[in-house]
C-alpha atoms as a PDB file:
ATOM      1  CA  MET A   1     -20.267 -33.564  72.383  1.00  0.00           C
ATOM      2  CA  ASP A   2     -18.478 -34.967  69.339  1.00  0.00           C
ATOM      3  CA  ARG A   3     -17.817 -32.276  66.766  1.00  0.00           C
ATOM      4  CA  VAL A   4     -18.516 -34.683  63.873  1.00  0.00           C
ATOM      5  CA  LYS A   5     -20.595 -37.852  63.925  1.00  0.00           C
ATOM      6  CA  THR A   6     -21.888 -40.059  61.112  1.00  0.00           C
ATOM      7  CA  TYR A   7     -25.197 -41.907  61.000  1.00  0.00           C
ATOM      8  CA  TRP A   8     -26.880 -44.593  58.911  1.00  0.00           C
ATOM      9  CA  GLY A   9     -23.629 -46.385  58.276  1.00  0.00           C
ATOM     10  CA  GLY A  10     -21.819 -43.268  57.065  1.00  0.00           C
ATOM     11  CA  GLU A  11     -24.528 -41.959  54.724  1.00  0.00           C
ATOM     12  CA  VAL A  12     -24.889 -38.654  56.579  1.00  0.00           C
ATOM     13  CA  GLU A  13     -22.863 -36.513  58.925  1.00  0.00           C
ATOM     14  CA  VAL A  14     -23.892 -34.127  61.680  1.00  0.00           C
ATOM     15  CA  SER A  15     -21.205 -31.686  62.740  1.00  0.00           C
ATOM     16  CA  VAL A  16     -21.263 -28.878  65.250  1.00  0.00           C
ATOM     17  CA  GLU A  17     -19.270 -25.695  65.318  1.00  0.00           C
ATOM     18  CA  PRO A  18     -19.232 -24.345  68.873  1.00  0.00           C
ATOM     19  CA  HIS A  19     -19.302 -20.596  69.237  1.00  0.00           C
ATOM     20  CA  GLU A  20     -19.303 -18.522  72.397  1.00  0.00           C
ATOM     21  CA  MET A  21     -22.332 -16.274  72.814  1.00  0.00           C
ATOM     22  CA  ARG A  22     -21.159 -14.718  76.060  1.00  0.00           C
ATOM     23  CA  MET A  23     -18.473 -15.567  78.538  1.00  0.00           C
ATOM     24  CA  SER A  24     -18.727 -19.360  79.006  1.00  0.00           C
ATOM     25  CA  HIS A  25     -22.089 -19.581  77.177  1.00  0.00           C
ATOM     26  CA  TRP A  26     -21.505 -21.918  74.231  1.00  0.00           C
ATOM     27  CA  VAL A  27     -23.855 -22.797  71.383  1.00  0.00           C
ATOM     28  CA  TYR A  28     -23.223 -25.968  69.372  1.00  0.00           C
ATOM     29  CA  ALA A  29     -24.889 -25.104  66.075  1.00  0.00           C
ATOM     30  CA  PRO A  30     -25.429 -28.122  63.778  1.00  0.00           C
ATOM     31  CA  ARG A  31     -24.649 -28.676  60.131  1.00  0.00           C
ATOM     32  CA  PHE A  32     -26.112 -31.685  58.290  1.00  0.00           C
ATOM     33  CA  ALA A  33     -24.319 -33.190  55.295  1.00  0.00           C
ATOM     34  CA  ASP A  34     -25.568 -35.965  53.021  1.00  0.00           C
ATOM     35  CA  ILE A  35     -22.252 -37.672  52.342  1.00  0.00           C
ATOM     36  CA  SER A  36     -23.708 -40.166  49.872  1.00  0.00           C
ATOM     37  CA  GLY A  37     -25.345 -37.375  47.862  1.00  0.00           C
ATOM     38  CA  GLU A  38     -22.533 -34.885  48.468  1.00  0.00           C
ATOM     39  CA  ARG A  39     -24.777 -32.019  49.583  1.00  0.00           C
ATOM     40  CA  ILE A  40     -25.503 -29.926  52.661  1.00  0.00           C
ATOM     41  CA  LEU A  41     -29.134 -30.237  53.800  1.00  0.00           C
ATOM     42  CA  PHE A  42     -28.831 -27.388  56.300  1.00  0.00           C
ATOM     43  CA  ASP A  43     -26.216 -25.344  58.105  1.00  0.00           C
ATOM     44  CA  LEU A  44     -27.011 -23.453  61.308  1.00  0.00           C
ATOM     45  CA  THR A  45     -23.366 -22.547  61.978  1.00  0.00           C
ATOM     46  CA  GLY A  46     -23.149 -19.193  63.750  1.00  0.00           C
ATOM     47  CA  LYS A  47     -26.897 -19.177  64.468  1.00  0.00           C
ATOM     48  CA  LEU A  48     -28.633 -19.301  67.850  1.00  0.00           C
ATOM     49  CA  TRP A  49     -29.761 -22.943  67.553  1.00  0.00           C
ATOM     50  CA  ASP A  50     -27.984 -25.331  69.918  1.00  0.00           C
ATOM     51  CA  LEU A  51     -27.929 -29.090  69.255  1.00  0.00           C
ATOM     52  CA  ILE A  52     -28.962 -30.945  72.407  1.00  0.00           C
ATOM     53  CA  SER A  53     -28.980 -34.503  71.064  1.00  0.00           C
ATOM     54  CA  VAL A  54     -29.460 -36.745  68.037  1.00  0.00           C
ATOM     55  CA  SER A  55     -31.535 -39.933  68.104  1.00  0.00           C
ATOM     56  CA  GLU A  56     -31.099 -42.419  65.277  1.00  0.00           C
ATOM     57  CA  THR A  57     -33.577 -44.988  63.992  1.00  0.00           C
ATOM     58  CA  GLU A  58     -33.475 -46.944  60.760  1.00  0.00           C
ATOM     59  CA  ASP A  59     -35.893 -44.491  59.129  1.00  0.00           C
ATOM     60  CA  ALA A  60     -35.109 -41.089  60.674  1.00  0.00           C
ATOM     61  CA  LEU A  61     -32.832 -38.904  62.742  1.00  0.00           C
ATOM     62  CA  ASP A  62     -34.369 -36.673  65.405  1.00  0.00           C
ATOM     63  CA  LEU A  63     -32.290 -33.628  66.263  1.00  0.00           C
ATOM     64  CA  ARG A  64     -33.353 -31.903  69.480  1.00  0.00           C
ATOM     65  CA  LEU A  65     -32.581 -28.186  69.244  1.00  0.00           C
ATOM     66  CA  ARG A  66     -32.866 -25.325  71.692  1.00  0.00           C
ATOM     67  CA  LYS A  67     -32.613 -21.661  70.803  1.00  0.00           C
ATOM     68  CA  TYR A  68     -30.155 -19.622  72.834  1.00  0.00           C
ATOM     69  CA  PRO A  69     -30.487 -18.528  75.619  1.00  0.00           C
ATOM     70  CA  GLY A  70     -32.538 -21.665  76.290  1.00  0.00           C
ATOM     71  CA  ASP A  71     -35.541 -20.054  77.949  1.00  0.00           C
ATOM     72  CA  ARG A  72     -38.039 -21.597  75.513  1.00  0.00           C
ATOM     73  CA  PRO A  73     -39.054 -25.193  74.789  1.00  0.00           C
ATOM     74  CA  GLU A  74     -36.849 -27.297  72.555  1.00  0.00           C
ATOM     75  CA  VAL A  75     -37.802 -28.114  68.972  1.00  0.00           C
ATOM     76  CA  THR A  76     -37.327 -31.469  67.257  1.00  0.00           C
ATOM     77  CA  LEU A  77     -36.084 -31.444  63.694  1.00  0.00           C
ATOM     78  CA  GLN A  78     -36.556 -34.782  61.988  1.00  0.00           C
ATOM     79  CA  VAL A  79     -34.576 -35.885  58.944  1.00  0.00           C
ATOM     80  CA  GLN A  80     -36.163 -38.809  57.148  1.00  0.00           C
ATOM     81  CA  ARG A  81     -33.742 -41.258  55.644  1.00  0.00           C
ATOM     82  CA  LYS A  82     -35.747 -41.826  52.496  1.00  0.00           C
ATOM     83  CA  GLY A  83     -35.555 -38.656  50.416  1.00  0.00           C
ATOM     84  CA  ARG A  84     -33.750 -36.702  53.186  1.00  0.00           C
ATOM     85  CA  VAL A  85     -36.984 -34.864  53.985  1.00  0.00           C
ATOM     86  CA  LEU A  86     -36.759 -32.310  56.827  1.00  0.00           C
ATOM     87  CA  LEU A  87     -39.737 -32.098  59.208  1.00  0.00           C
ATOM     88  CA  VAL A  88     -40.455 -29.482  61.866  1.00  0.00           C
ATOM     89  CA  ALA A  89     -43.602 -30.100  63.919  1.00  0.00           C
ATOM     90  CA  GLY A  90     -44.445 -32.897  61.485  1.00  0.00           C
ATOM     91  CA  LYS A  91     -44.441 -30.602  58.441  1.00  0.00           C
ATOM     92  CA  PRO A  92     -41.935 -30.763  55.566  1.00  0.00           C
ATOM     93  CA  VAL A  93     -39.638 -27.733  55.357  1.00  0.00           C
ATOM     94  CA  ASP A  94     -36.930 -26.513  53.024  1.00  0.00           C
ATOM     95  CA  GLY A  95     -33.396 -26.515  54.451  1.00  0.00           C
ATOM     96  CA  ALA A  96     -32.742 -23.056  53.001  1.00  0.00           C
ATOM     97  CA  ASP A  97     -35.598 -21.657  55.113  1.00  0.00           C
ATOM     98  CA  LEU A  98     -35.074 -23.887  58.158  1.00  0.00           C
ATOM     99  CA  GLU A  99     -34.337 -21.190  60.724  1.00  0.00           C
ATOM    100  CA  ARG A 100     -37.660 -19.442  60.046  1.00  0.00           C
ATOM    101  CA  HIS A 101     -39.533 -22.741  60.459  1.00  0.00           C
ATOM    102  CA  LEU A 102     -37.731 -23.480  63.728  1.00  0.00           C
ATOM    103  CA  ASP A 103     -38.596 -20.005  65.031  1.00  0.00           C
ATOM    104  CA  THR A 104     -42.247 -20.530  64.037  1.00  0.00           C
ATOM    105  CA  ALA A 105     -42.314 -23.820  65.980  1.00  0.00           C
ATOM    106  CA  LEU A 106     -41.513 -21.838  69.153  1.00  0.00           C
ATOM    107  CA  ILE A 107     -44.691 -19.774  68.915  1.00  0.00           C
END
């Protein structure tokens, strides 16, 4: 997995900071930066959320996340291009409280 990748023609950047949970168990926790607006939408660095993949469309990015140790279903976090709105389970969430919303989506 690339450690840093840009989307929407360089408007935003998704980076991962791998950290080892246990011997040879790595979590690639994502950080999302709005380069054009010079702000961080969310940062899960050092958390238990592992980025599985990112899918890009003209209107949104879908980030598939799995919580370590991976024994529960994955959660899709959507970032809408217009307004940089974050959606978990189709509901808008605040980036500062993202981890709680992701945990709630597992229930």
